[in-house]
């Protein structure tokens, strides 16, 4: 799977151009599924923001409002009850999975519970477009500061990349580079701090930062 790990979504021309390069086609020719699941695990999210994400309503729905050929919804909490024979073809037919933010540990739980996590190694040509927690879920750890789901055992997530992400630099009062540096010392491994104009593109061993804003690599 190709990964476009963003902080705030496809927020500028550089990130959209990278998305279309990874897709191998214009967004207008590509089919997407939006995954709002992470929102249910975070106390700042709820029905309005989830609907906004799916429907492409500002300020939540930037990814789904890009002009895709089609956009469907994939709610991970429902998948284990309907059978893999139904939902796996939906995922295989999608060019992109648009995975929204919320709580990354909750998203990780439902990716495993639904079976989506196990399917990822087979989706070579699919582009995973993560926003915030939708990006962080692919990392080894998110840090205790970002765990808001009461059911989380710890801060570990899927670990499909070897670095962690501190998102939303400059968006919230506590999301600053000094706070990111403190957080990175807790993580104890490679980390990136990203503002909402920045993203990380991952294809195999290739890792490239795409940015029209501010970002930093934070190493232990």
Protein backbone atom coordinates (compact mmCIF):
# COMPACT_ATOMS: atom_id res chain seq x y z
CA UNK A 1 0.00 0.00 0.00
CA UNK A 2 1.13 3.55 -0.74
CA UNK A 3 0.81 5.93 2.20
CA UNK A 4 0.14 9.66 2.12
CA UNK A 5 0.28 10.59 5.79
CA UNK A 6 -1.01 14.11 6.31
CA UNK A 7 -1.63 16.28 9.33
CA UNK A 8 -4.66 18.20 8.05
CA UNK A 9 -5.55 16.50 4.77
CA UNK A 10 -4.97 17.47 1.15
CA UNK A 11 -4.62 21.15 1.95
CA UNK A 12 -2.48 22.52 -0.87
CA UNK A 13 -1.38 21.99 -4.45
CA UNK A 14 1.84 20.16 -3.56
CA UNK A 15 0.04 17.51 -1.50
CA UNK A 16 -2.64 17.06 -4.18
CA UNK A 17 -0.01 16.67 -6.88
CA UNK A 18 1.72 14.01 -4.77
CA UNK A 19 -1.63 12.25 -4.25
CA UNK A 20 -2.27 12.16 -7.99
CA UNK A 21 1.27 10.92 -8.64
CA UNK A 22 0.69 8.07 -6.19
CA UNK A 23 -2.69 7.31 -7.71
CA UNK A 24 -1.26 7.35 -11.22
CA UNK A 25 -4.30 9.31 -12.38
CA UNK A 26 -6.22 12.51 -11.64
CA UNK A 27 -8.47 12.53 -8.57
CA UNK A 28 -11.40 13.01 -10.95
CA UNK A 29 -10.73 9.53 -12.41
CA UNK A 30 -10.27 7.76 -9.06
CA UNK A 31 -12.69 6.01 -6.70
CA UNK A 32 -12.35 6.52 -2.96
CA UNK A 33 -13.75 5.18 0.30
CA UNK A 34 -13.81 7.45 3.34
CA UNK A 35 -13.22 5.89 6.76
CA UNK A 36 -14.60 8.03 9.65
CA UNK A 37 -14.13 5.38 12.35
CA UNK A 38 -11.37 7.11 14.37
CA UNK A 39 -13.76 9.93 15.23
CA UNK A 40 -15.91 7.74 17.51
CA UNK A 41 -12.94 7.16 19.82
CA UNK A 42 -12.15 10.84 20.48
CA UNK A 43 -14.14 13.07 22.87
CA UNK A 44 -13.75 16.13 20.61
CA UNK A 45 -15.49 14.36 17.71
CA UNK A 46 -19.07 13.25 17.18
CA UNK A 47 -22.01 13.02 14.77
CA UNK A 48 -21.57 16.48 13.25
CA UNK A 49 -17.88 16.08 12.47
CA UNK A 50 -18.34 12.52 11.21
CA UNK A 51 -21.15 13.63 8.89
CA UNK A 52 -19.04 16.58 7.76
CA UNK A 53 -16.18 14.28 6.86
CA UNK A 54 -18.34 11.90 4.86
CA UNK A 55 -20.36 14.62 3.13
CA UNK A 56 -17.41 16.88 2.35
CA UNK A 57 -18.72 19.74 4.48
CA UNK A 58 -16.17 22.35 5.66
CA UNK A 59 -14.19 22.40 7.86
CA UNK A 60 -14.19 18.61 8.19
CA UNK A 61 -14.62 17.25 4.68
CA UNK A 62 -11.65 18.52 2.72
CA UNK A 63 -10.55 15.09 1.48
CA UNK A 64 -13.97 13.98 0.31
CA UNK A 65 -14.62 17.28 -1.49
CA UNK A 66 -11.63 16.98 -3.86
CA UNK A 67 -13.74 15.95 -6.86
CA UNK A 68 -13.33 12.17 -6.84
CA UNK A 69 -15.04 10.05 -9.49
CA UNK A 70 -16.90 8.44 -6.59
CA UNK A 71 -16.74 8.49 -2.79
CA UNK A 72 -18.27 5.79 -0.60
CA UNK A 73 -18.18 5.30 3.16
CA UNK A 74 -16.43 2.41 4.91
CA UNK A 75 -17.34 2.20 8.60
CA UNK A 76 -14.97 -0.29 10.19
CA UNK A 77 -17.13 -1.00 13.23
CA UNK A 78 -19.73 -2.58 10.92
CA UNK A 79 -17.47 -4.85 8.89
CA UNK A 80 -17.12 -7.82 11.24
CA UNK A 81 -20.91 -8.20 11.31
CA UNK A 82 -21.50 -8.30 7.55
CA UNK A 83 -18.87 -10.78 6.34
CA UNK A 84 -15.59 -10.32 4.51
CA UNK A 85 -17.12 -11.51 1.23
CA UNK A 86 -19.08 -8.25 1.11
CA UNK A 87 -16.62 -5.60 2.19
CA UNK A 88 -13.29 -6.86 0.85
CA UNK A 89 -14.35 -6.31 -2.80
CA UNK A 90 -15.32 -2.74 -1.90
CA UNK A 91 -11.82 -2.10 -0.57
CA UNK A 92 -10.07 -3.83 -3.47
CA UNK A 93 -12.05 -1.75 -5.97
CA UNK A 94 -11.07 1.56 -4.35
CA UNK A 95 -8.13 3.58 -5.60
CA UNK A 96 -7.82 5.39 -2.27
CA UNK A 97 -8.86 5.03 1.36
CA UNK A 98 -9.45 8.43 2.98
CA UNK A 99 -8.92 7.81 6.68
CA UNK A 100 -9.99 10.61 8.96
CA UNK A 101 -8.67 11.65 12.34
CA UNK A 102 -9.89 11.08 15.89
CA UNK A 103 -8.18 8.58 18.17
CA UNK A 104 -5.50 6.41 16.56
CA UNK A 105 -5.72 3.63 19.18
CA UNK A 106 -9.46 3.27 18.56
CA UNK A 107 -8.87 3.21 14.81
CA UNK A 108 -6.11 0.62 15.27
CA UNK A 109 -8.45 -1.57 17.33
CA UNK A 110 -11.12 -1.57 14.64
CA UNK A 111 -8.66 -2.05 11.81
CA UNK A 112 -7.56 -5.26 13.50
CA UNK A 113 -11.04 -6.32 14.63
CA UNK A 114 -12.56 -5.79 11.17
CA UNK A 115 -9.75 -7.50 9.28
CA UNK A 116 -8.67 -4.41 7.35
CA UNK A 117 -5.22 -4.39 8.97
CA UNK A 118 -4.59 -7.92 7.72
CA UNK A 119 -5.65 -6.98 4.19
CA UNK A 120 -3.24 -4.03 3.85
CA UNK A 121 -0.22 -6.08 2.62
CA UNK A 122 -2.30 -7.21 -0.38
CA UNK A 123 -3.31 -3.67 -1.46
CA UNK A 124 -0.18 -2.77 -3.41
CA UNK A 125 -1.74 -0.10 -5.64
CA UNK A 126 -4.15 1.47 -3.12
CA UNK A 127 -3.30 4.87 -1.64
CA UNK A 128 -3.96 5.34 2.07
CA UNK A 129 -4.63 9.04 2.67
CA UNK A 130 -4.53 9.64 6.41
CA UNK A 131 -5.47 12.74 8.34
CA UNK A 132 -4.04 13.15 11.85
CA UNK A 133 -4.97 9.89 13.66
CA UNK A 134 -5.57 8.34 10.24
CA UNK A 135 -1.85 8.89 9.62
CA UNK A 136 -0.62 8.20 13.15
CA UNK A 137 -2.22 4.74 13.17
CA UNK A 138 0.44 3.56 10.71
CA UNK A 139 3.27 4.43 13.12
CA UNK A 140 4.72 2.36 16.01
CA UNK A 141 3.59 4.69 18.84
CA UNK A 142 1.56 7.88 19.19
CA UNK A 143 2.64 8.95 22.69
CA UNK A 144 0.44 9.17 25.77
CA UNK A 145 -0.54 12.77 24.95
CA UNK A 146 -2.58 11.57 21.95
CA UNK A 147 -4.40 8.64 23.58
CA UNK A 148 -7.95 9.77 24.28
CA UNK A 149 -9.88 6.49 23.94
CA UNK A 150 -10.62 5.01 27.34
CA UNK A 151 -10.31 1.47 26.00
CA UNK A 152 -6.68 1.87 24.94
CA UNK A 153 -4.19 -0.39 26.71
CA UNK A 154 -1.18 1.74 25.72
CA UNK A 155 -0.08 4.07 22.92
CA UNK A 156 1.08 1.43 20.43
CA UNK A 157 -0.51 1.22 17.00
CA UNK A 158 0.17 -0.70 13.76
CA UNK A 159 3.86 0.08 13.21
CA UNK A 160 3.75 -0.18 9.42
CA UNK A 161 6.28 2.66 9.21
CA UNK A 162 9.29 3.13 11.48
CA UNK A 163 8.62 6.73 12.54
CA UNK A 164 6.01 8.55 14.63
CA UNK A 165 4.05 11.72 13.81
CA UNK A 166 3.17 14.79 15.89
CA UNK A 167 0.43 16.56 13.86
CA UNK A 168 -1.25 19.97 13.76
CA UNK A 169 1.70 22.21 14.59
CA UNK A 170 0.29 25.70 15.17
CA UNK A 171 -3.34 24.60 15.10
CA UNK A 172 -3.88 23.98 18.82
CA UNK A 173 -2.17 25.82 21.71
CA UNK A 174 -0.21 22.74 22.83
CA UNK A 175 0.84 21.72 19.32
CA UNK A 176 4.16 23.53 19.13
CA UNK A 177 7.65 22.48 18.12
CA UNK A 178 8.91 22.60 21.74
CA UNK A 179 6.04 20.32 22.78
CA UNK A 180 6.81 18.04 19.84
CA UNK A 181 10.44 17.80 20.97
CA UNK A 182 9.32 16.82 24.49
CA UNK A 183 6.92 14.25 23.00
CA UNK A 184 9.67 12.85 20.76
CA UNK A 185 11.89 12.17 23.78
CA UNK A 186 9.06 10.01 25.18
CA UNK A 187 8.71 8.14 21.90
CA UNK A 188 12.45 7.43 21.75
CA UNK A 189 12.67 6.86 18.00
CA UNK A 190 12.45 8.69 14.66
CA UNK A 191 9.66 11.30 14.65
CA UNK A 192 8.25 14.05 12.47
CA UNK A 193 6.35 17.15 13.56
CA UNK A 194 4.01 18.41 10.82
CA UNK A 195 1.78 21.42 10.37
CA UNK A 196 -1.44 21.15 8.37
CA UNK A 197 0.30 22.13 5.14
CA UNK A 198 2.64 19.13 5.36
CA UNK A 199 2.51 15.39 4.65
CA UNK A 200 4.77 12.35 4.41
CA UNK A 201 4.62 10.12 1.34
CA UNK A 202 5.75 6.51 1.82
CA UNK A 203 6.24 3.99 -0.99
CA UNK A 204 8.26 0.97 0.04
CA UNK A 205 11.50 2.33 1.54
CA UNK A 206 10.99 5.76 -0.02
CA UNK A 207 9.96 8.41 2.54
CA UNK A 208 9.46 11.97 1.31
CA UNK A 209 8.08 15.03 3.09
CA UNK A 210 5.71 17.17 1.00
CA UNK A 211 5.19 20.62 2.46
CA UNK A 212 4.13 24.18 1.78
CA UNK A 213 4.36 24.92 5.49
CA UNK A 214 6.53 23.93 8.46
CA UNK A 215 7.82 20.55 9.57
CA UNK A 216 10.77 19.07 11.44
CA UNK A 217 12.42 15.69 11.74
CA UNK A 218 12.86 14.90 15.43
CA UNK A 219 15.29 12.10 16.24
CA UNK A 220 15.94 10.53 19.63
